[in-house]
N, C-alpha and C. Protein backbone atom coordinates (compact mmCIF):
# COMPACT_ATOMS: atom_id res chain seq x y z
N MET A 1 92.16 218.20 71.71
CA MET A 1 92.97 217.05 71.95
C MET A 1 94.24 217.48 72.67
N ALA A 2 94.61 216.79 73.72
CA ALA A 2 95.81 217.10 74.48
C ALA A 2 97.05 216.90 73.61
N ARG A 3 98.09 217.63 73.92
CA ARG A 3 99.31 217.59 73.11
C ARG A 3 99.90 216.19 73.01
N ASN A 4 99.93 215.42 74.08
CA ASN A 4 100.54 214.10 74.08
C ASN A 4 99.59 213.01 73.60
N GLU A 5 98.33 213.36 73.43
CA GLU A 5 97.35 212.38 73.00
C GLU A 5 97.40 212.23 71.48
N GLN A 6 97.49 210.99 71.01
CA GLN A 6 97.55 210.75 69.58
C GLN A 6 96.23 210.19 69.09
N ARG A 7 95.86 210.59 67.88
CA ARG A 7 94.67 210.03 67.26
C ARG A 7 95.00 208.65 66.72
N ARG A 8 94.08 207.75 66.85
CA ARG A 8 94.26 206.39 66.35
C ARG A 8 93.12 206.06 65.41
N ASP A 9 93.43 205.31 64.39
CA ASP A 9 92.44 204.87 63.42
C ASP A 9 92.51 203.35 63.37
N GLY A 10 91.57 202.70 64.02
CA GLY A 10 91.57 201.24 64.12
C GLY A 10 91.48 200.55 62.77
N LEU A 11 90.69 201.09 61.85
CA LEU A 11 90.55 200.48 60.53
C LEU A 11 91.87 200.55 59.76
N LEU A 12 92.51 201.71 59.77
CA LEU A 12 93.79 201.86 59.09
C LEU A 12 94.83 200.93 59.72
N ARG A 13 94.87 200.88 61.03
CA ARG A 13 95.81 199.99 61.73
C ARG A 13 95.61 198.55 61.26
N ARG A 14 94.37 198.10 61.22
CA ARG A 14 94.08 196.73 60.82
C ARG A 14 94.50 196.45 59.38
N LYS A 15 94.26 197.41 58.49
CA LYS A 15 94.66 197.25 57.09
C LYS A 15 96.18 197.17 56.96
N ILE A 16 96.91 197.97 57.72
CA ILE A 16 98.37 197.94 57.70
C ILE A 16 98.88 196.61 58.25
N ILE A 17 98.28 196.15 59.33
CA ILE A 17 98.67 194.86 59.91
C ILE A 17 98.43 193.74 58.91
N LEU A 18 97.25 193.73 58.28
CA LEU A 18 96.95 192.69 57.30
C LEU A 18 97.91 192.72 56.12
N ARG A 19 98.27 193.92 55.66
CA ARG A 19 99.20 194.05 54.54
C ARG A 19 100.59 193.56 54.95
N THR A 20 101.02 193.87 56.15
CA THR A 20 102.32 193.41 56.64
C THR A 20 102.34 191.90 56.73
N GLU A 21 101.26 191.32 57.26
CA GLU A 21 101.17 189.86 57.35
C GLU A 21 101.20 189.24 55.96
N GLU A 22 100.49 189.87 55.01
CA GLU A 22 100.47 189.38 53.64
C GLU A 22 101.88 189.39 53.03
N LEU A 23 102.60 190.48 53.22
CA LEU A 23 103.96 190.58 52.67
C LEU A 23 104.89 189.55 53.31
N ARG A 24 104.75 189.37 54.62
CA ARG A 24 105.58 188.34 55.28
C ARG A 24 105.31 186.98 54.67
N GLY A 25 104.04 186.68 54.44
CA GLY A 25 103.67 185.40 53.85
C GLY A 25 104.20 185.23 52.44
N LEU A 26 104.11 186.29 51.64
CA LEU A 26 104.61 186.23 50.27
C LEU A 26 106.11 185.97 50.22
N HIS A 27 106.82 186.50 51.21
CA HIS A 27 108.28 186.34 51.25
C HIS A 27 108.71 185.15 52.11
N GLY A 28 107.74 184.49 52.75
CA GLY A 28 108.06 183.33 53.58
C GLY A 28 108.80 183.67 54.86
N HIS A 29 108.54 184.86 55.40
CA HIS A 29 109.21 185.30 56.63
C HIS A 29 108.34 185.02 57.85
N THR A 30 108.98 184.68 58.94
CA THR A 30 108.29 184.59 60.22
C THR A 30 108.23 186.00 60.80
N ARG A 31 107.56 186.16 61.92
CA ARG A 31 107.54 187.47 62.59
C ARG A 31 108.92 187.84 63.11
N GLU A 32 109.72 186.85 63.43
CA GLU A 32 111.03 187.12 64.03
C GLU A 32 112.10 187.49 63.01
N GLN A 33 112.00 187.00 61.79
CA GLN A 33 113.04 187.28 60.79
C GLN A 33 113.22 188.76 60.51
N PRO A 34 112.16 189.55 60.30
CA PRO A 34 112.37 190.99 60.08
C PRO A 34 112.97 191.68 61.31
N LYS A 35 112.63 191.20 62.49
CA LYS A 35 113.17 191.78 63.72
C LYS A 35 114.68 191.55 63.78
N GLU A 36 115.09 190.34 63.47
CA GLU A 36 116.51 190.01 63.52
C GLU A 36 117.30 190.71 62.41
N ALA A 37 116.73 190.77 61.21
CA ALA A 37 117.45 191.31 60.06
C ALA A 37 117.43 192.84 59.99
N ALA A 38 116.32 193.45 60.35
CA ALA A 38 116.18 194.90 60.16
C ALA A 38 115.77 195.65 61.42
N GLY A 39 115.67 194.96 62.55
CA GLY A 39 115.27 195.62 63.79
C GLY A 39 113.81 195.99 63.83
N LEU A 40 112.99 195.31 63.03
CA LEU A 40 111.56 195.60 62.97
C LEU A 40 110.83 194.78 64.01
N ASN A 41 110.09 195.44 64.88
CA ASN A 41 109.34 194.73 65.90
C ASN A 41 107.95 194.40 65.37
N ILE A 42 107.92 193.46 64.42
CA ILE A 42 106.69 193.07 63.76
C ILE A 42 105.67 192.48 64.75
N PRO A 43 106.11 191.63 65.69
CA PRO A 43 105.11 191.09 66.62
C PRO A 43 104.33 192.17 67.37
N ASN A 44 105.01 193.20 67.84
CA ASN A 44 104.32 194.28 68.57
C ASN A 44 103.38 195.05 67.65
N MET A 45 103.75 195.20 66.40
CA MET A 45 102.89 195.91 65.47
C MET A 45 101.68 195.05 65.10
N GLU A 46 101.92 193.78 64.79
CA GLU A 46 100.83 192.92 64.35
C GLU A 46 99.83 192.61 65.46
N THR A 47 100.25 192.69 66.70
CA THR A 47 99.31 192.48 67.80
C THR A 47 98.58 193.77 68.16
N GLY A 48 98.97 194.89 67.53
CA GLY A 48 98.33 196.16 67.79
C GLY A 48 98.93 196.93 68.95
N GLU A 49 100.01 196.40 69.53
CA GLU A 49 100.65 197.08 70.66
C GLU A 49 101.28 198.41 70.22
N ASN A 50 101.89 198.40 69.04
CA ASN A 50 102.50 199.61 68.49
C ASN A 50 101.82 199.97 67.18
N PHE A 51 101.55 201.26 66.99
CA PHE A 51 100.98 201.73 65.73
C PHE A 51 102.14 202.13 64.83
N PRO A 52 102.23 201.56 63.62
CA PRO A 52 103.38 201.86 62.76
C PRO A 52 103.35 203.29 62.25
N ASN A 53 104.51 203.92 62.24
CA ASN A 53 104.62 205.26 61.65
C ASN A 53 105.23 205.12 60.25
N LEU A 54 105.35 206.20 59.53
CA LEU A 54 105.87 206.14 58.17
C LEU A 54 107.30 205.65 58.10
N THR A 55 108.09 205.96 59.10
CA THR A 55 109.47 205.48 59.12
C THR A 55 109.49 203.95 59.20
N LEU A 56 108.68 203.39 60.07
CA LEU A 56 108.61 201.94 60.20
C LEU A 56 108.09 201.31 58.90
N LEU A 57 107.07 201.91 58.31
CA LEU A 57 106.55 201.38 57.05
C LEU A 57 107.59 201.46 55.95
N SER A 58 108.38 202.51 55.94
CA SER A 58 109.44 202.65 54.96
C SER A 58 110.49 201.56 55.14
N ILE A 59 110.82 201.23 56.37
CA ILE A 59 111.79 200.16 56.65
C ILE A 59 111.21 198.81 56.23
N ILE A 60 109.93 198.59 56.51
CA ILE A 60 109.27 197.36 56.07
C ILE A 60 109.35 197.25 54.55
N CYS A 61 109.04 198.34 53.86
CA CYS A 61 109.08 198.33 52.41
C CYS A 61 110.49 198.05 51.89
N SER A 62 111.46 198.67 52.50
CA SER A 62 112.84 198.43 52.11
C SER A 62 113.21 196.97 52.33
N TYR A 63 112.82 196.42 53.45
CA TYR A 63 113.09 195.02 53.77
C TYR A 63 112.44 194.09 52.75
N CYS A 64 111.23 194.43 52.32
CA CYS A 64 110.49 193.60 51.34
C CYS A 64 110.81 193.98 49.90
N LYS A 65 111.65 195.01 49.73
CA LYS A 65 112.05 195.49 48.40
C LYS A 65 110.85 195.94 47.57
N ILE A 66 110.01 196.75 48.21
CA ILE A 66 108.88 197.36 47.53
C ILE A 66 108.84 198.84 47.89
N SER A 67 108.07 199.61 47.15
CA SER A 67 107.90 201.04 47.46
C SER A 67 106.70 201.22 48.40
N LEU A 68 106.61 202.40 48.98
CA LEU A 68 105.44 202.71 49.79
C LEU A 68 104.18 202.65 48.94
N ASP A 69 104.28 203.08 47.69
CA ASP A 69 103.14 202.97 46.77
C ASP A 69 102.68 201.53 46.65
N GLU A 70 103.63 200.62 46.49
CA GLU A 70 103.28 199.21 46.37
C GLU A 70 102.69 198.66 47.67
N PHE A 71 103.16 199.18 48.80
CA PHE A 71 102.62 198.74 50.08
C PHE A 71 101.14 199.10 50.18
N PHE A 72 100.82 200.35 49.84
CA PHE A 72 99.45 200.83 50.00
C PHE A 72 98.53 200.53 48.82
N ALA A 73 99.08 200.16 47.65
CA ALA A 73 98.29 199.97 46.44
C ALA A 73 97.08 199.05 46.62
N PRO A 74 97.20 197.90 47.28
CA PRO A 74 96.03 197.02 47.36
C PRO A 74 94.99 197.46 48.38
N MET A 75 95.26 198.48 49.13
CA MET A 75 94.32 198.91 50.18
C MET A 75 93.30 199.89 49.60
N SER A 76 92.07 199.70 49.99
CA SER A 76 91.07 200.73 49.72
C SER A 76 90.68 201.29 51.09
N TYR A 77 90.89 202.58 51.22
CA TYR A 77 90.66 203.20 52.54
C TYR A 77 90.25 204.64 52.35
N LEU A 78 89.13 204.98 52.92
CA LEU A 78 88.67 206.37 52.95
C LEU A 78 88.52 206.75 54.42
N PRO A 79 89.35 207.66 54.91
CA PRO A 79 89.23 208.06 56.31
C PRO A 79 87.88 208.75 56.57
N LYS A 80 87.37 208.51 57.76
CA LYS A 80 86.11 209.16 58.13
C LYS A 80 86.39 210.62 58.45
N GLY A 81 85.55 211.47 57.95
CA GLY A 81 85.78 212.90 58.11
C GLY A 81 84.99 213.52 59.12
């Protein structure tokens, strides 16, 4: 794999997007509210334009007042080996 080439996992991306959408719904937030309040570009992430990294997920968790454990807890995911 080339140095600048990043591995992508479509299933993981989709699960993260669905969880983010779920959290927004639980808190009654639009896609724009997290962007305005915390600088989170949720629309770009939810459309798949940007793949979220751990820093972004940590900011999302902080914004939603949950831990990373709570973010990932409802997901069942086994990466393909």
